[in-house]
Amino acid sequence: MEKGKNETYKSNKIFLRVIADMSPNRLVFPQKIIWEDGREFIIQKVTDVRRQFVAEIGEHCTKYYCVIDGRFKVLCLNDDMRWFVLTAK
């Protein structure tokens, strides 16, 4: 069940620049993330990709479970083709 427009969610989205490859069969694989301040991180491995409803933000997205800088992270790609990560409010 989705929340109404006046309800708040538990997470904020931080939009990122992402360098990605697209396979001939249109699968997208992120390679590098770039933060607003210019910091860049190589995505060492994508371990899983899932289309899911994200209750924290009240919308569907494609979640990429990645290893970045030796740590497990989740990148999200929304229906507008914008990449983001979730942070606590």
PDB file of N, CA and C in Angstrom:
ATOM      1  N   MET A   1       0.835  -1.176   0.000  1.00  0.00           N
ATOM      2  CA  MET A   1       0.000   0.000   0.000  1.00  0.00           C
ATOM      3  C   MET A   1       0.885   1.246   0.000  1.00  0.00           C
ATOM      4  N   GLU A   2       0.651   2.162  -0.929  1.00  0.00           N
ATOM      5  CA  GLU A   2       1.451   3.364  -1.040  1.00  0.00           C
ATOM      6  C   GLU A   2       0.939   4.449  -0.103  1.00  0.00           C
ATOM      7  N   LYS A   3       1.861   5.300   0.319  1.00  0.00           N
ATOM      8  CA  LYS A   3       1.489   6.396   1.212  1.00  0.00           C
ATOM      9  C   LYS A   3       0.868   7.529   0.417  1.00  0.00           C
ATOM     10  N   GLY A   4       0.059   8.322   1.099  1.00  0.00           N
ATOM     11  CA  GLY A   4      -0.558   9.486   0.478  1.00  0.00           C
ATOM     12  C   GLY A   4       0.452  10.600   0.283  1.00  0.00           C
ATOM     13  N   LYS A   5       0.082  11.607  -0.496  1.00  0.00           N
ATOM     14  CA  LYS A   5       1.006  12.687  -0.822  1.00  0.00           C
ATOM     15  C   LYS A   5       1.460  13.474   0.393  1.00  0.00           C
ATOM     16  N   ASN A   6       0.661  13.546   1.440  1.00  0.00           N
ATOM     17  CA  ASN A   6       1.015  14.345   2.613  1.00  0.00           C
ATOM     18  C   ASN A   6       1.847  13.581   3.638  1.00  0.00           C
ATOM     19  N   GLU A   7       2.053  12.285   3.419  1.00  0.00           N
ATOM     20  CA  GLU A   7       2.827  11.502   4.367  1.00  0.00           C
ATOM     21  C   GLU A   7       4.307  11.568   4.020  1.00  0.00           C
ATOM     22  N   THR A   8       5.153  11.469   5.027  1.00  0.00           N
ATOM     23  CA  THR A   8       6.587  11.528   4.793  1.00  0.00           C
ATOM     24  C   THR A   8       7.172  10.130   4.740  1.00  0.00           C
ATOM     25  N   TYR A   9       8.320  10.021   4.104  1.00  0.00           N
ATOM     26  CA  TYR A   9       9.009   8.754   3.972  1.00  0.00           C
ATOM     27  C   TYR A   9      10.266   8.759   4.830  1.00  0.00           C
ATOM     28  N   LYS A  10      10.830   7.580   5.024  1.00  0.00           N
ATOM     29  CA  LYS A  10      11.946   7.405   5.944  1.00  0.00           C
ATOM     30  C   LYS A  10      13.304   7.729   5.330  1.00  0.00           C
ATOM     31  N   SER A  11      13.384   7.896   4.018  1.00  0.00           N
ATOM     32  CA  SER A  11      14.665   8.079   3.350  1.00  0.00           C
ATOM     33  C   SER A  11      14.637   9.255   2.388  1.00  0.00           C
ATOM     34  N   ASN A  12      15.821   9.788   2.126  1.00  0.00           N
ATOM     35  CA  ASN A  12      16.026  10.806   1.104  1.00  0.00           C
ATOM     36  C   ASN A  12      16.757  10.180  -0.067  1.00  0.00           C
ATOM     37  N   LYS A  13      16.530  10.715  -1.253  1.00  0.00           N
ATOM     38  CA  LYS A  13      17.266  10.285  -2.431  1.00  0.00           C
ATOM     39  C   LYS A  13      18.390  11.271  -2.686  1.00  0.00           C
ATOM     40  N   ILE A  14      19.579  10.754  -2.946  1.00  0.00           N
ATOM     41  CA  ILE A  14      20.693  11.574  -3.403  1.00  0.00           C
ATOM     42  C   ILE A  14      20.990  11.131  -4.821  1.00  0.00           C
ATOM     43  N   PHE A  15      20.767  12.028  -5.779  1.00  0.00           N
ATOM     44  CA  PHE A  15      20.981  11.690  -7.175  1.00  0.00           C
ATOM     45  C   PHE A  15      22.462  11.767  -7.504  1.00  0.00           C
ATOM     46  N   LEU A  16      22.922  10.829  -8.326  1.00  0.00           N
ATOM     47  CA  LEU A  16      24.332  10.689  -8.680  1.00  0.00           C
ATOM     48  C   LEU A  16      24.501  10.651 -10.186  1.00  0.00           C
ATOM     49  N   ARG A  17      25.699  11.018 -10.623  1.00  0.00           N
ATOM     50  CA  ARG A  17      26.085  10.756 -12.005  1.00  0.00           C
ATOM     51  C   ARG A  17      26.666   9.351 -12.025  1.00  0.00           C
ATOM     52  N   VAL A  18      26.239   8.543 -12.972  1.00  0.00           N
ATOM     53  CA  VAL A  18      26.709   7.159 -13.081  1.00  0.00           C
ATOM     54  C   VAL A  18      27.156   6.908 -14.511  1.00  0.00           C
ATOM     55  N   ILE A  19      28.350   6.339 -14.642  1.00  0.00           N
ATOM     56  CA  ILE A  19      28.832   5.871 -15.933  1.00  0.00           C
ATOM     57  C   ILE A  19      28.427   4.400 -16.026  1.00  0.00           C
ATOM     58  N   ALA A  20      27.711   4.034 -17.090  1.00  0.00           N
ATOM     59  CA  ALA A  20      27.192   2.674 -17.208  1.00  0.00           C
ATOM     60  C   ALA A  20      27.371   2.162 -18.629  1.00  0.00           C
ATOM     61  N   ASP A  21      27.405   0.841 -18.751  1.00  0.00           N
ATOM     62  CA  ASP A  21      27.411   0.166 -20.044  1.00  0.00           C
ATOM     63  C   ASP A  21      26.037  -0.425 -20.292  1.00  0.00           C
ATOM     64  N   MET A  22      25.664  -0.489 -21.571  1.00  0.00           N
ATOM     65  CA  MET A  22      24.420  -1.156 -21.927  1.00  0.00           C
ATOM     66  C   MET A  22      24.765  -2.292 -22.887  1.00  0.00           C
ATOM     67  N   SER A  23      24.262  -3.477 -22.575  1.00  0.00           N
ATOM     68  CA  SER A  23      24.521  -4.639 -23.415  1.00  0.00           C
ATOM     69  C   SER A  23      23.640  -4.570 -24.665  1.00  0.00           C
ATOM     70  N   PRO A  24      23.949  -5.372 -25.690  1.00  0.00           N
ATOM     71  CA  PRO A  24      23.114  -5.378 -26.898  1.00  0.00           C
ATOM     72  C   PRO A  24      21.646  -5.718 -26.623  1.00  0.00           C
ATOM     73  N   ASN A  25      21.399  -6.473 -25.549  1.00  0.00           N
ATOM     74  CA  ASN A  25      19.994  -6.800 -25.230  1.00  0.00           C
ATOM     75  C   ASN A  25      19.408  -5.827 -24.198  1.00  0.00           C
ATOM     76  N   ARG A  26      20.013  -4.625 -24.089  1.00  0.00           N
ATOM     77  CA  ARG A  26      19.507  -3.482 -23.321  1.00  0.00           C
ATOM     78  C   ARG A  26      19.582  -3.651 -21.807  1.00  0.00           C
ATOM     79  N   LEU A  27      20.469  -4.492 -21.322  1.00  0.00           N
ATOM     80  CA  LEU A  27      20.711  -4.571 -19.883  1.00  0.00           C
ATOM     81  C   LEU A  27      21.730  -3.505 -19.510  1.00  0.00           C
ATOM     82  N   VAL A  28      21.472  -2.792 -18.417  1.00  0.00           N
ATOM     83  CA  VAL A  28      22.324  -1.684 -17.983  1.00  0.00           C
ATOM     84  C   VAL A  28      23.202  -2.151 -16.821  1.00  0.00           C
ATOM     85  N   PHE A  29      24.506  -1.849 -16.920  1.00  0.00           N
ATOM     86  CA  PHE A  29      25.453  -2.218 -15.873  1.00  0.00           C
ATOM     87  C   PHE A  29      26.258  -0.986 -15.454  1.00  0.00           C
ATOM     88  N   PRO A  30      26.043  -0.483 -14.236  1.00  0.00           N
ATOM     89  CA  PRO A  30      26.810   0.674 -13.776  1.00  0.00           C
ATOM     90  C   PRO A  30      28.280   0.321 -13.596  1.00  0.00           C
ATOM     91  N   GLN A  31      29.161   1.257 -13.972  1.00  0.00           N
ATOM     92  CA  GLN A  31      30.608   1.045 -13.878  1.00  0.00           C
ATOM     93  C   GLN A  31      31.278   1.953 -12.847  1.00  0.00           C
ATOM     94  N   LYS A  32      30.758   3.183 -12.723  1.00  0.00           N
ATOM     95  CA  LYS A  32      31.389   4.172 -11.842  1.00  0.00           C
ATOM     96  C   LYS A  32      30.336   5.159 -11.370  1.00  0.00           C
ATOM     97  N   ILE A  33      30.438   5.595 -10.097  1.00  0.00           N
ATOM     98  CA  ILE A  33      29.565   6.662  -9.609  1.00  0.00           C
ATOM     99  C   ILE A  33      30.400   7.914  -9.390  1.00  0.00           C
ATOM    100  N   ILE A  34      29.766   9.054  -9.613  1.00  0.00           N
ATOM    101  CA  ILE A  34      30.419  10.349  -9.430  1.00  0.00           C
ATOM    102  C   ILE A  34      29.501  11.220  -8.588  1.00  0.00           C
ATOM    103  N   TRP A  35      29.990  11.613  -7.413  1.00  0.00           N
ATOM    104  CA  TRP A  35      29.224  12.469  -6.509  1.00  0.00           C
ATOM    105  C   TRP A  35      29.275  13.912  -6.990  1.00  0.00           C
ATOM    106  N   GLU A  36      28.358  14.757  -6.481  1.00  0.00           N
ATOM    107  CA  GLU A  36      28.312  16.177  -6.861  1.00  0.00           C
ATOM    108  C   GLU A  36      29.629  16.890  -6.616  1.00  0.00           C
ATOM    109  N   ASP A  37      30.362  16.475  -5.566  1.00  0.00           N
ATOM    110  CA  ASP A  37      31.630  17.141  -5.245  1.00  0.00           C
ATOM    111  C   ASP A  37      32.793  16.624  -6.091  1.00  0.00           C
ATOM    112  N   GLY A  38      32.509  15.722  -7.048  1.00  0.00           N
ATOM    113  CA  GLY A  38      33.529  15.243  -7.967  1.00  0.00           C
ATOM    114  C   GLY A  38      34.200  13.932  -7.571  1.00  0.00           C
ATOM    115  N   ARG A  39      33.936  13.440  -6.362  1.00  0.00           N
ATOM    116  CA  ARG A  39      34.541  12.165  -5.965  1.00  0.00           C
ATOM    117  C   ARG A  39      34.009  11.057  -6.859  1.00  0.00           C
ATOM    118  N   GLU A  40      34.916  10.161  -7.267  1.00  0.00           N
ATOM    119  CA  GLU A  40      34.546   9.062  -8.149  1.00  0.00           C
ATOM    120  C   GLU A  40      34.871   7.731  -7.479  1.00  0.00           C
ATOM    121  N   PHE A  41      33.978   6.744  -7.675  1.00  0.00           N
ATOM    122  CA  PHE A  41      34.186   5.410  -7.137  1.00  0.00           C
ATOM    123  C   PHE A  41      33.867   4.383  -8.212  1.00  0.00           C
ATOM    124  N   ILE A  42      34.792   3.463  -8.422  1.00  0.00           N
ATOM    125  CA  ILE A  42      34.607   2.368  -9.364  1.00  0.00           C
ATOM    126  C   ILE A  42      33.688   1.322  -8.732  1.00  0.00           C
ATOM    127  N   ILE A  43      32.748   0.821  -9.509  1.00  0.00           N
ATOM    128  CA  ILE A  43      31.898  -0.280  -9.068  1.00  0.00           C
ATOM    129  C   ILE A  43      32.643  -1.564  -9.417  1.00  0.00           C
ATOM    130  N   GLN A  44      33.095  -2.251  -8.384  1.00  0.00           N
ATOM    131  CA  GLN A  44      33.922  -3.432  -8.594  1.00  0.00           C
ATOM    132  C   GLN A  44      33.120  -4.630  -9.064  1.00  0.00           C
ATOM    133  N   LYS A  45      31.867  -4.711  -8.610  1.00  0.00           N
ATOM    134  CA  LYS A  45      31.050  -5.869  -8.968  1.00  0.00           C
ATOM    135  C   LYS A  45      29.579  -5.554  -8.738  1.00  0.00           C
ATOM    136  N   VAL A  46      28.725  -6.014  -9.636  1.00  0.00           N
ATOM    137  CA  VAL A  46      27.270  -5.983  -9.436  1.00  0.00           C
ATOM    138  C   VAL A  46      26.869  -7.410  -9.092  1.00  0.00           C
ATOM    139  N   THR A  47      26.344  -7.598  -7.883  1.00  0.00           N
ATOM    140  CA  THR A  47      26.016  -8.950  -7.423  1.00  0.00           C
ATOM    141  C   THR A  47      24.574  -9.358  -7.717  1.00  0.00           C
ATOM    142  N   ASP A  48      23.679  -8.374  -7.888  1.00  0.00           N
ATOM    143  CA  ASP A  48      22.281  -8.691  -8.150  1.00  0.00           C
ATOM    144  C   ASP A  48      21.580  -7.445  -8.679  1.00  0.00           C
ATOM    145  N   VAL A  49      20.527  -7.646  -9.457  1.00  0.00           N
ATOM    146  CA  VAL A  49      19.701  -6.559  -9.981  1.00  0.00           C
ATOM    147  C   VAL A  49      18.253  -6.981  -9.788  1.00  0.00           C
ATOM    148  N   ARG A  50      17.458  -6.092  -9.160  1.00  0.00           N
ATOM    149  CA  ARG A  50      16.049  -6.418  -8.885  1.00  0.00           C
ATOM    150  C   ARG A  50      15.169  -5.201  -9.096  1.00  0.00           C
ATOM    151  N   ARG A  51      14.034  -5.413  -9.717  1.00  0.00           N
ATOM    152  CA  ARG A  51      12.988  -4.377  -9.818  1.00  0.00           C
ATOM    153  C   ARG A  51      12.124  -4.517  -8.571  1.00  0.00           C
ATOM    154  N   GLN A  52      12.042  -3.462  -7.759  1.00  0.00           N
ATOM    155  CA  GLN A  52      11.336  -3.555  -6.486  1.00  0.00           C
ATOM    156  C   GLN A  52      10.597  -2.277  -6.148  1.00  0.00           C
ATOM    157  N   PHE A  53       9.554  -2.429  -5.328  1.00  0.00           N
ATOM    158  CA  PHE A  53       8.918  -1.274  -4.702  1.00  0.00           C
ATOM    159  C   PHE A  53       9.744  -0.940  -3.466  1.00  0.00           C
ATOM    160  N   VAL A  54      10.121   0.321  -3.342  1.00  0.00           N
ATOM    161  CA  VAL A  54      10.943   0.763  -2.214  1.00  0.00           C
ATOM    162  C   VAL A  54      10.040   1.564  -1.286  1.00  0.00           C
ATOM    163  N   ALA A  55       9.632   0.938  -0.193  1.00  0.00           N
ATOM    164  CA  ALA A  55       8.680   1.562   0.734  1.00  0.00           C
ATOM    165  C   ALA A  55       9.225   2.857   1.321  1.00  0.00           C
ATOM    166  N   GLU A  56      10.543   2.941   1.514  1.00  0.00           N
ATOM    167  CA  GLU A  56      11.140   4.141   2.122  1.00  0.00           C
ATOM    168  C   GLU A  56      10.898   5.403   1.309  1.00  0.00           C
ATOM    169  N   ILE A  57      10.706   5.260  -0.002  1.00  0.00           N
ATOM    170  CA  ILE A  57      10.485   6.425  -0.860  1.00  0.00           C
ATOM    171  C   ILE A  57       9.152   6.375  -1.594  1.00  0.00           C
ATOM    172  N   GLY A  58       8.434   5.268  -1.462  1.00  0.00           N
ATOM    173  CA  GLY A  58       7.104   5.154  -2.045  1.00  0.00           C
ATOM    174  C   GLY A  58       7.069   5.017  -3.545  1.00  0.00           C
ATOM    175  N   GLU A  59       8.074   4.364  -4.142  1.00  0.00           N
ATOM    176  CA  GLU A  59       8.072   4.168  -5.584  1.00  0.00           C
ATOM    177  C   GLU A  59       8.855   2.922  -5.973  1.00  0.00           C
ATOM    178  N   HIS A  60       8.642   2.498  -7.221  1.00  0.00           N
ATOM    179  CA  HIS A  60       9.403   1.381  -7.772  1.00  0.00           C
ATOM    180  C   HIS A  60      10.716   1.889  -8.353  1.00  0.00           C
ATOM    181  N   CYS A  61      11.730   1.046  -8.328  1.00  0.00           N
ATOM    182  CA  CYS A  61      12.987   1.336  -9.000  1.00  0.00           C
ATOM    183  C   CYS A  61      13.699   0.017  -9.262  1.00  0.00           C
ATOM    184  N   THR A  62      14.737   0.090 -10.070  1.00  0.00           N
ATOM    185  CA  THR A  62      15.610  -1.058 -10.274  1.00  0.00           C
ATOM    186  C   THR A  62      16.782  -0.885  -9.327  1.00  0.00           C
ATOM    187  N   LYS A  63      16.967  -1.866  -8.440  1.00  0.00           N
ATOM    188  CA  LYS A  63      18.033  -1.800  -7.443  1.00  0.00           C
ATOM    189  C   LYS A  63      19.218  -2.642  -7.904  1.00  0.00           C
ATOM    190  N   TYR A  64      20.390  -2.027  -7.885  1.00  0.00           N
ATOM    191  CA  TYR A  64      21.642  -2.683  -8.247  1.00  0.00           C
ATOM    192  C   TYR A  64      22.439  -2.882  -6.955  1.00  0.00           C
ATOM    193  N   TYR A  65      22.642  -4.138  -6.598  1.00  0.00           N
ATOM    194  CA  TYR A  65      23.413  -4.482  -5.404  1.00  0.00           C
ATOM    195  C   TYR A  65      24.868  -4.595  -5.838  1.00  0.00           C
ATOM    196  N   CYS A  66      25.719  -3.706  -5.304  1.00  0.00           N
ATOM    197  CA  CYS A  66      27.073  -3.535  -5.821  1.00  0.00           C
ATOM    198  C   CYS A  66      28.127  -3.625  -4.723  1.00  0.00           C
ATOM    199  N   VAL A  67      29.353  -3.880  -5.174  1.00  0.00           N
ATOM    200  CA  VAL A  67      30.530  -3.734  -4.325  1.00  0.00           C
ATOM    201  C   VAL A  67      31.255  -2.498  -4.843  1.00  0.00           C
ATOM    202  N   ILE A  68      31.363  -1.487  -3.972  1.00  0.00           N
ATOM    203  CA  ILE A  68      32.012  -0.223  -4.306  1.00  0.00           C
ATOM    204  C   ILE A  68      33.038   0.059  -3.218  1.00  0.00           C
ATOM    205  N   ASP A  69      34.279   0.247  -3.611  1.00  0.00           N
ATOM    206  CA  ASP A  69      35.362   0.524  -2.656  1.00  0.00           C
ATOM    207  C   ASP A  69      35.423  -0.569  -1.579  1.00  0.00           C
ATOM    208  N   GLY A  70      35.160  -1.806  -1.986  1.00  0.00           N
ATOM    209  CA  GLY A  70      35.224  -2.940  -1.070  1.00  0.00           C
ATOM    210  C   GLY A  70      34.033  -3.090  -0.142  1.00  0.00           C
ATOM    211  N   ARG A  71      33.006  -2.245  -0.314  1.00  0.00           N
ATOM    212  CA  ARG A  71      31.829  -2.307   0.568  1.00  0.00           C
ATOM    213  C   ARG A  71      30.567  -2.547  -0.240  1.00  0.00           C
ATOM    214  N   PHE A  72      29.617  -3.223   0.385  1.00  0.00           N
ATOM    215  CA  PHE A  72      28.336  -3.522  -0.238  1.00  0.00           C
ATOM    216  C   PHE A  72      27.463  -2.267  -0.222  1.00  0.00           C
ATOM    217  N   LYS A  73      26.954  -1.863  -1.394  1.00  0.00           N
ATOM    218  CA  LYS A  73      26.085  -0.692  -1.524  1.00  0.00           C
ATOM    219  C   LYS A  73      24.950  -1.009  -2.487  1.00  0.00           C
ATOM    220  N   VAL A  74      23.877  -0.220  -2.400  1.00  0.00           N
ATOM    221  CA  VAL A  74      22.742  -0.379  -3.307  1.00  0.00           C
ATOM    222  C   VAL A  74      22.554   0.917  -4.088  1.00  0.00           C
ATOM    223  N   LEU A  75      22.584   0.806  -5.421  1.00  0.00           N
ATOM    224  CA  LEU A  75      22.266   1.920  -6.312  1.00  0.00           C
ATOM    225  C   LEU A  75      20.872   1.683  -6.861  1.00  0.00           C
ATOM    226  N   CYS A  76      20.136   2.761  -7.069  1.00  0.00           N
ATOM    227  CA  CYS A  76      18.781   2.651  -7.611  1.00  0.00           C
ATOM    228  C   CYS A  76      18.689   3.429  -8.917  1.00  0.00           C
ATOM    229  N   LEU A  77      17.920   2.889  -9.841  1.00  0.00           N
ATOM    230  CA  LEU A  77      17.645   3.545 -11.114  1.00  0.00           C
ATOM    231  C   LEU A  77      16.133   3.661 -11.242  1.00  0.00           C
ATOM    232  N   ASN A  78      15.623   4.915 -11.283  1.00  0.00           N
ATOM    233  CA  ASN A  78      14.170   5.079 -11.331  1.00  0.00           C
ATOM    234  C   ASN A  78      13.650   5.028 -12.760  1.00  0.00           C
ATOM    235  N   ASP A  79      12.353   5.146 -12.923  1.00  0.00           N
ATOM    236  CA  ASP A  79      11.728   5.041 -14.238  1.00  0.00           C
ATOM    237  C   ASP A  79      12.091   6.202 -15.159  1.00  0.00           C
ATOM    238  N   ASP A  80      12.584   7.308 -14.598  1.00  0.00           N
ATOM    239  CA  ASP A  80      13.037   8.451 -15.392  1.00  0.00           C
ATOM    240  C   ASP A  80      14.500   8.324 -15.790  1.00  0.00           C
ATOM    241  N   MET A  81      15.091   7.137 -15.518  1.00  0.00           N
ATOM    242  CA  MET A  81      16.500   6.850 -15.817  1.00  0.00           C
ATOM    243  C   MET A  81      17.449   7.756 -15.030  1.00  0.00           C
ATOM    244  N   ARG A  82      17.096   8.050 -13.775  1.00  0.00           N
ATOM    245  CA  ARG A  82      17.956   8.818 -12.876  1.00  0.00           C
ATOM    246  C   ARG A  82      18.475   7.888 -11.789  1.00  0.00           C
ATOM    247  N   TRP A  83      19.781   7.932 -11.564  1.00  0.00           N
ATOM    248  CA  TRP A  83      20.423   7.096 -10.559  1.00  0.00           C
ATOM    249  C   TRP A  83      20.418   7.803  -9.212  1.00  0.00           C
ATOM    250  N   PHE A  84      20.237   7.034  -8.122  1.00  0.00           N
ATOM    251  CA  PHE A  84      20.290   7.618  -6.797  1.00  0.00           C
ATOM    252  C   PHE A  84      20.646   6.566  -5.763  1.00  0.00           C
ATOM    253  N   VAL A  85      21.042   7.054  -4.587  1.00  0.00           N
ATOM    254  CA  VAL A  85      21.205   6.208  -3.392  1.00  0.00           C
ATOM    255  C   VAL A  85      20.260   6.740  -2.343  1.00  0.00           C
ATOM    256  N   LEU A  86      19.919   5.910  -1.386  1.00  0.00           N
ATOM    257  CA  LEU A  86      19.036   6.311  -0.282  1.00  0.00           C
ATOM    258  C   LEU A  86      19.849   6.623   0.948  1.00  0.00           C
ATOM    259  N   THR A  87      19.442   7.674   1.649  1.00  0.00           N
ATOM    260  CA  THR A  87      20.056   8.026   2.927  1.00  0.00           C
ATOM    261  C   THR A  87      18.943   8.234   3.951  1.00  0.00           C
ATOM    262  N   ALA A  88      19.275   8.044   5.214  1.00  0.00           N
ATOM    263  CA  ALA A  88      18.306   8.278   6.278  1.00  0.00           C
ATOM    264  C   ALA A  88      18.013   9.759   6.387  1.00  0.00           C
ATOM    265  N   LYS A  89      16.783  10.099   6.737  1.00  0.00           N
ATOM    266  CA  LYS A  89      16.412  11.515   6.941  1.00  0.00           C
ATOM    267  C   LYS A  89      16.991  12.022   8.226  1.00  0.00           C
TER     268      LYS A  89
END
